[in-house]
Structure formats: structure tokens, C-alpha cells
Amino acid sequence: MILGFSATIQSKTSTRNDEGIDVDTWATLKTVSCNVQPARLDQTELQAFGLTDIAANAKKVYLLRDTSINENHRAVLWDGTYEIRGINHWNIHTVFIAVPVQGV
């Protein structure tokens, strides 16, 4: 696997403001080397990740096995911020589906 890109993994912290409204902030958890590919998944692959559909501009991200990354995190790549939607931890590597964040 050629790890030619880097991704900043972010974790969410929710706090309540003075009006009782949840405010989310995203802090950097770590930066990882990865391989990024367009995600063109067929129905079988979608089921393997536990997804029903994905955005047309989603990406499949490969990295060395890292079980500290989960679906509650975000990945910041060179072209934007992505939600980590589906993740599989294999014996020697981890694969996740990154879907562009909608809104801010």
C-alpha cells in the first residue's frame, strides 16, 4: 500500500452554551499517512461497511491498522473535511469511507 497522502483525524466535543444549545467543536486527534481512492462501491461492498448509499464524491481511505479511529470522527484531507461513515479494521490495515461534510 502506497501511503502518499496525510489525513488529520478529528474528534468531536459537545458542550452546552448559556442558552442550553449543544455546540460541537472538532479537535485534532492525530495525523495519519494514508492512500485515498474514489469510492465506487457496489451493493455488496456497501453492505460490508453497513451503508445503504453514499455520496458520489465519497472516498475510500486506506491506512495501517488503527483501531482508535471510529465513525464519530472526521478526516480532513487536502480537498475538504469528510465524515467517517463506514470503517473496517482488517488484520494489517484499516479502511474507511469518507463522505463530504454537509454544512458547517
N, C-alpha and C. Protein backbone atom coordinates (compact mmCIF):
# COMPACT_ATOMS: atom_id res chain seq x y z
N MET A 1 0.86 -1.17 0.00
CA MET A 1 0.00 0.00 0.00
C MET A 1 0.90 1.23 0.00
N ILE A 2 0.68 2.13 -0.93
CA ILE A 2 1.45 3.37 -1.00
C ILE A 2 0.70 4.44 -0.21
N LEU A 3 1.32 4.94 0.84
CA LEU A 3 0.70 5.91 1.72
C LEU A 3 1.15 7.31 1.30
N GLY A 4 0.58 7.81 0.21
CA GLY A 4 1.02 9.05 -0.38
C GLY A 4 0.32 10.31 0.10
N PHE A 5 -0.66 10.18 0.97
CA PHE A 5 -1.42 11.33 1.45
C PHE A 5 -1.37 11.35 2.97
N SER A 6 -1.78 12.47 3.55
CA SER A 6 -1.95 12.51 5.00
C SER A 6 -3.36 12.98 5.30
N ALA A 7 -3.91 12.49 6.39
CA ALA A 7 -5.25 12.87 6.83
C ALA A 7 -5.17 13.26 8.29
N THR A 8 -5.80 14.36 8.63
CA THR A 8 -5.91 14.76 10.03
C THR A 8 -7.22 14.22 10.55
N ILE A 9 -7.15 13.40 11.57
CA ILE A 9 -8.34 12.81 12.18
C ILE A 9 -8.78 13.71 13.33
N GLN A 10 -10.06 14.08 13.33
CA GLN A 10 -10.59 14.96 14.36
C GLN A 10 -11.65 14.24 15.19
N SER A 11 -11.71 14.57 16.49
CA SER A 11 -12.75 14.03 17.36
C SER A 11 -13.63 15.18 17.85
N LYS A 12 -14.90 14.87 18.07
CA LYS A 12 -15.89 15.87 18.43
C LYS A 12 -16.03 16.00 19.94
N THR A 13 -16.16 17.24 20.40
CA THR A 13 -16.51 17.52 21.78
C THR A 13 -17.75 18.39 21.77
N SER A 14 -18.77 17.98 22.50
CA SER A 14 -20.02 18.75 22.57
C SER A 14 -20.12 19.43 23.93
N THR A 15 -20.42 20.71 23.89
CA THR A 15 -20.67 21.47 25.13
C THR A 15 -21.96 22.24 24.96
N ARG A 16 -22.55 22.65 26.07
CA ARG A 16 -23.77 23.45 26.01
C ARG A 16 -23.44 24.90 26.28
N ASN A 17 -24.02 25.77 25.48
CA ASN A 17 -23.79 27.20 25.69
C ASN A 17 -24.76 27.72 26.75
N ASP A 18 -24.76 29.02 26.98
CA ASP A 18 -25.60 29.63 28.02
C ASP A 18 -27.09 29.43 27.78
N GLU A 19 -27.47 29.20 26.52
CA GLU A 19 -28.88 29.00 26.19
C GLU A 19 -29.27 27.54 26.18
N GLY A 20 -28.35 26.63 26.53
CA GLY A 20 -28.64 25.21 26.57
C GLY A 20 -28.56 24.50 25.23
N ILE A 21 -27.96 25.14 24.24
CA ILE A 21 -27.83 24.57 22.90
C ILE A 21 -26.48 23.89 22.79
N ASP A 22 -26.48 22.67 22.25
CA ASP A 22 -25.22 21.94 22.07
C ASP A 22 -24.37 22.62 21.01
N VAL A 23 -23.10 22.81 21.33
CA VAL A 23 -22.13 23.39 20.40
C VAL A 23 -21.02 22.37 20.22
N ASP A 24 -20.78 21.96 18.97
CA ASP A 24 -19.75 20.97 18.67
C ASP A 24 -18.46 21.65 18.27
N THR A 25 -17.35 21.17 18.81
CA THR A 25 -16.03 21.61 18.38
C THR A 25 -15.24 20.36 17.99
N TRP A 26 -14.34 20.53 17.02
CA TRP A 26 -13.57 19.41 16.50
C TRP A 26 -12.09 19.65 16.79
N ALA A 27 -11.49 18.77 17.59
CA ALA A 27 -10.08 18.86 17.94
C ALA A 27 -9.30 17.80 17.19
N THR A 28 -8.05 18.10 16.87
CA THR A 28 -7.20 17.15 16.17
C THR A 28 -6.84 16.00 17.10
N LEU A 29 -7.13 14.79 16.65
CA LEU A 29 -6.79 13.58 17.40
C LEU A 29 -5.41 13.08 16.98
N LYS A 30 -5.16 13.04 15.68
CA LYS A 30 -3.88 12.57 15.14
C LYS A 30 -3.82 12.86 13.66
N THR A 31 -2.62 12.74 13.11
CA THR A 31 -2.42 12.81 11.66
C THR A 31 -1.86 11.48 11.21
N VAL A 32 -2.45 10.90 10.17
CA VAL A 32 -2.04 9.58 9.70
C VAL A 32 -1.67 9.65 8.21
N SER A 33 -0.75 8.78 7.81
CA SER A 33 -0.45 8.61 6.39
C SER A 33 -1.46 7.64 5.81
N CYS A 34 -1.92 7.91 4.60
CA CYS A 34 -2.98 7.08 4.04
C CYS A 34 -2.92 7.05 2.52
N ASN A 35 -3.75 6.20 1.93
CA ASN A 35 -3.96 6.10 0.50
C ASN A 35 -5.43 6.44 0.27
N VAL A 36 -5.72 7.36 -0.63
CA VAL A 36 -7.09 7.80 -0.86
C VAL A 36 -7.50 7.44 -2.28
N GLN A 37 -8.66 6.80 -2.42
CA GLN A 37 -9.19 6.39 -3.73
C GLN A 37 -10.66 6.82 -3.84
N PRO A 38 -11.14 7.06 -5.05
CA PRO A 38 -12.57 7.31 -5.20
C PRO A 38 -13.36 6.09 -4.73
N ALA A 39 -14.48 6.31 -4.08
CA ALA A 39 -15.29 5.20 -3.58
C ALA A 39 -16.40 4.89 -4.58
N ARG A 40 -16.19 3.87 -5.36
CA ARG A 40 -17.22 3.39 -6.28
C ARG A 40 -17.60 2.00 -5.80
N LEU A 41 -18.56 1.97 -4.88
CA LEU A 41 -18.90 0.71 -4.22
C LEU A 41 -20.15 0.10 -4.81
N ASP A 42 -20.11 -1.21 -5.00
CA ASP A 42 -21.32 -1.90 -5.42
C ASP A 42 -22.14 -2.26 -4.17
N GLN A 43 -23.29 -2.85 -4.36
CA GLN A 43 -24.20 -3.14 -3.25
C GLN A 43 -23.56 -4.05 -2.20
N THR A 44 -22.76 -5.03 -2.62
CA THR A 44 -22.11 -5.93 -1.67
C THR A 44 -21.11 -5.19 -0.80
N GLU A 45 -20.33 -4.30 -1.40
CA GLU A 45 -19.36 -3.52 -0.63
C GLU A 45 -20.06 -2.56 0.34
N LEU A 46 -21.15 -1.95 -0.10
CA LEU A 46 -21.91 -1.08 0.80
C LEU A 46 -22.37 -1.84 2.03
N GLN A 47 -22.87 -3.05 1.83
CA GLN A 47 -23.32 -3.87 2.96
C GLN A 47 -22.17 -4.23 3.89
N ALA A 48 -20.97 -4.45 3.33
CA ALA A 48 -19.81 -4.78 4.16
C ALA A 48 -19.46 -3.63 5.10
N PHE A 49 -19.72 -2.40 4.67
CA PHE A 49 -19.46 -1.23 5.51
C PHE A 49 -20.69 -0.81 6.31
N GLY A 50 -21.80 -1.49 6.13
CA GLY A 50 -23.02 -1.15 6.86
C GLY A 50 -23.70 0.10 6.35
N LEU A 51 -23.52 0.40 5.07
CA LEU A 51 -24.12 1.60 4.48
C LEU A 51 -25.19 1.22 3.47
N THR A 52 -26.10 2.14 3.21
CA THR A 52 -27.12 1.89 2.19
C THR A 52 -26.84 2.69 0.92
N ASP A 53 -26.25 3.86 1.07
CA ASP A 53 -25.88 4.66 -0.10
C ASP A 53 -24.78 5.61 0.33
N ILE A 54 -24.07 6.17 -0.65
CA ILE A 54 -23.03 7.15 -0.33
C ILE A 54 -23.06 8.27 -1.36
N ALA A 55 -22.43 9.36 -1.03
CA ALA A 55 -22.34 10.48 -1.95
C ALA A 55 -21.45 10.11 -3.13
N ALA A 56 -21.72 10.73 -4.26
CA ALA A 56 -20.94 10.43 -5.46
C ALA A 56 -19.48 10.84 -5.31
N ASN A 57 -19.19 11.82 -4.45
CA ASN A 57 -17.82 12.28 -4.28
C ASN A 57 -17.18 11.74 -2.99
N ALA A 58 -17.66 10.60 -2.51
CA ALA A 58 -17.06 9.95 -1.34
C ALA A 58 -15.72 9.34 -1.71
N LYS A 59 -14.91 9.08 -0.69
CA LYS A 59 -13.59 8.50 -0.91
C LYS A 59 -13.41 7.27 -0.02
N LYS A 60 -12.59 6.35 -0.49
CA LYS A 60 -12.21 5.18 0.30
C LYS A 60 -10.77 5.44 0.76
N VAL A 61 -10.53 5.39 2.07
CA VAL A 61 -9.23 5.73 2.64
C VAL A 61 -8.63 4.49 3.29
N TYR A 62 -7.40 4.17 2.90
CA TYR A 62 -6.66 3.02 3.42
C TYR A 62 -5.51 3.52 4.28
N LEU A 63 -5.28 2.90 5.42
CA LEU A 63 -4.15 3.24 6.26
C LEU A 63 -3.72 2.02 7.06
N LEU A 64 -2.55 2.09 7.66
CA LEU A 64 -2.11 0.99 8.50
C LEU A 64 -3.09 0.82 9.65
N ARG A 65 -3.25 -0.39 10.13
CA ARG A 65 -4.27 -0.70 11.14
C ARG A 65 -4.23 0.29 12.29
N ASP A 66 -5.39 0.88 12.58
CA ASP A 66 -5.53 1.87 13.64
C ASP A 66 -6.93 1.77 14.22
N THR A 67 -7.06 1.10 15.35
CA THR A 67 -8.39 0.89 15.93
C THR A 67 -8.88 2.08 16.74
N SER A 68 -8.07 3.15 16.85
CA SER A 68 -8.52 4.33 17.59
C SER A 68 -9.41 5.24 16.73
N ILE A 69 -9.50 4.97 15.44
CA ILE A 69 -10.35 5.75 14.55
C ILE A 69 -11.72 5.08 14.48
N ASN A 70 -12.79 5.88 14.65
CA ASN A 70 -14.13 5.30 14.58
C ASN A 70 -15.08 6.23 13.82
N GLU A 71 -16.33 5.84 13.76
CA GLU A 71 -17.32 6.57 12.95
C GLU A 71 -17.72 7.91 13.55
N ASN A 72 -17.32 8.22 14.78
CA ASN A 72 -17.65 9.51 15.37
C ASN A 72 -16.59 10.56 15.05
N HIS A 73 -15.65 10.24 14.19
CA HIS A 73 -14.56 11.14 13.85
C HIS A 73 -14.74 11.73 12.46
N ARG A 74 -13.89 12.71 12.17
CA ARG A 74 -13.82 13.32 10.85
C ARG A 74 -12.41 13.19 10.32
N ALA A 75 -12.29 13.21 9.00
CA ALA A 75 -10.98 13.20 8.35
C ALA A 75 -10.86 14.47 7.51
N VAL A 76 -9.79 15.22 7.72
CA VAL A 76 -9.52 16.40 6.92
C VAL A 76 -8.48 16.01 5.89
N LEU A 77 -8.88 16.02 4.62
CA LEU A 77 -7.99 15.69 3.52
C LEU A 77 -7.61 16.98 2.79
N TRP A 78 -6.83 16.86 1.73
CA TRP A 78 -6.35 18.03 1.00
C TRP A 78 -7.46 18.85 0.38
N ASP A 79 -8.62 18.24 0.13
CA ASP A 79 -9.68 18.95 -0.57
C ASP A 79 -10.93 19.19 0.26
N GLY A 80 -10.86 18.99 1.57
CA GLY A 80 -12.01 19.27 2.41
C GLY A 80 -12.11 18.36 3.62
N THR A 81 -13.22 18.52 4.33
CA THR A 81 -13.47 17.75 5.54
C THR A 81 -14.52 16.69 5.26
N TYR A 82 -14.28 15.48 5.77
CA TYR A 82 -15.13 14.33 5.49
C TYR A 82 -15.56 13.65 6.78
N GLU A 83 -16.81 13.19 6.80
CA GLU A 83 -17.28 12.34 7.90
C GLU A 83 -16.80 10.92 7.65
N ILE A 84 -16.39 10.25 8.71
CA ILE A 84 -16.04 8.83 8.60
C ILE A 84 -17.33 8.06 8.81
N ARG A 85 -17.84 7.45 7.74
CA ARG A 85 -19.15 6.81 7.78
C ARG A 85 -19.10 5.31 8.01
N GLY A 86 -18.26 4.62 7.30
CA GLY A 86 -18.15 3.17 7.44
C GLY A 86 -16.69 2.84 7.64
N ILE A 87 -16.40 1.93 8.56
CA ILE A 87 -15.00 1.61 8.84
C ILE A 87 -14.84 0.12 9.06
N ASN A 88 -13.78 -0.44 8.48
CA ASN A 88 -13.44 -1.86 8.68
C ASN A 88 -11.98 -1.94 9.10
N HIS A 89 -11.74 -2.65 10.21
CA HIS A 89 -10.39 -2.87 10.69
C HIS A 89 -9.98 -4.29 10.29
N TRP A 90 -9.05 -4.41 9.35
CA TRP A 90 -8.55 -5.69 8.90
C TRP A 90 -7.30 -6.05 9.69
N ASN A 91 -6.70 -7.21 9.41
CA ASN A 91 -5.53 -7.65 10.17
C ASN A 91 -4.37 -6.67 10.13
N ILE A 92 -4.04 -6.15 8.95
CA ILE A 92 -2.88 -5.27 8.86
C ILE A 92 -3.21 -3.85 8.40
N HIS A 93 -4.47 -3.58 8.06
CA HIS A 93 -4.82 -2.23 7.65
C HIS A 93 -6.26 -1.90 8.03
N THR A 94 -6.56 -0.62 7.96
CA THR A 94 -7.90 -0.11 8.23
C THR A 94 -8.39 0.58 6.96
N VAL A 95 -9.68 0.43 6.67
CA VAL A 95 -10.30 1.09 5.52
C VAL A 95 -11.54 1.82 6.03
N PHE A 96 -11.70 3.08 5.61
CA PHE A 96 -12.96 3.76 5.95
C PHE A 96 -13.48 4.54 4.75
N ILE A 97 -14.79 4.76 4.77
CA ILE A 97 -15.47 5.55 3.74
C ILE A 97 -15.59 6.97 4.27
N ALA A 98 -15.10 7.92 3.49
CA ALA A 98 -15.14 9.33 3.87
C ALA A 98 -16.16 10.05 2.98
N VAL A 99 -17.16 10.64 3.60
CA VAL A 99 -18.22 11.33 2.88
C VAL A 99 -18.12 12.83 3.21
N PRO A 100 -18.18 13.70 2.21
CA PRO A 100 -18.04 15.15 2.48
C PRO A 100 -19.03 15.64 3.53
N VAL A 101 -18.54 16.50 4.41
CA VAL A 101 -19.39 17.09 5.45
C VAL A 101 -20.36 18.06 4.80
N GLN A 102 -21.61 17.96 5.15
CA GLN A 102 -22.64 18.86 4.63
C GLN A 102 -22.87 19.97 5.64
N GLY A 103 -22.70 21.21 5.23
CA GLY A 103 -22.85 22.33 6.15
C GLY A 103 -21.64 22.45 7.05
N VAL A 104 -21.72 23.33 8.03
CA VAL A 104 -20.58 23.50 8.94
C VAL A 104 -21.04 23.49 10.36
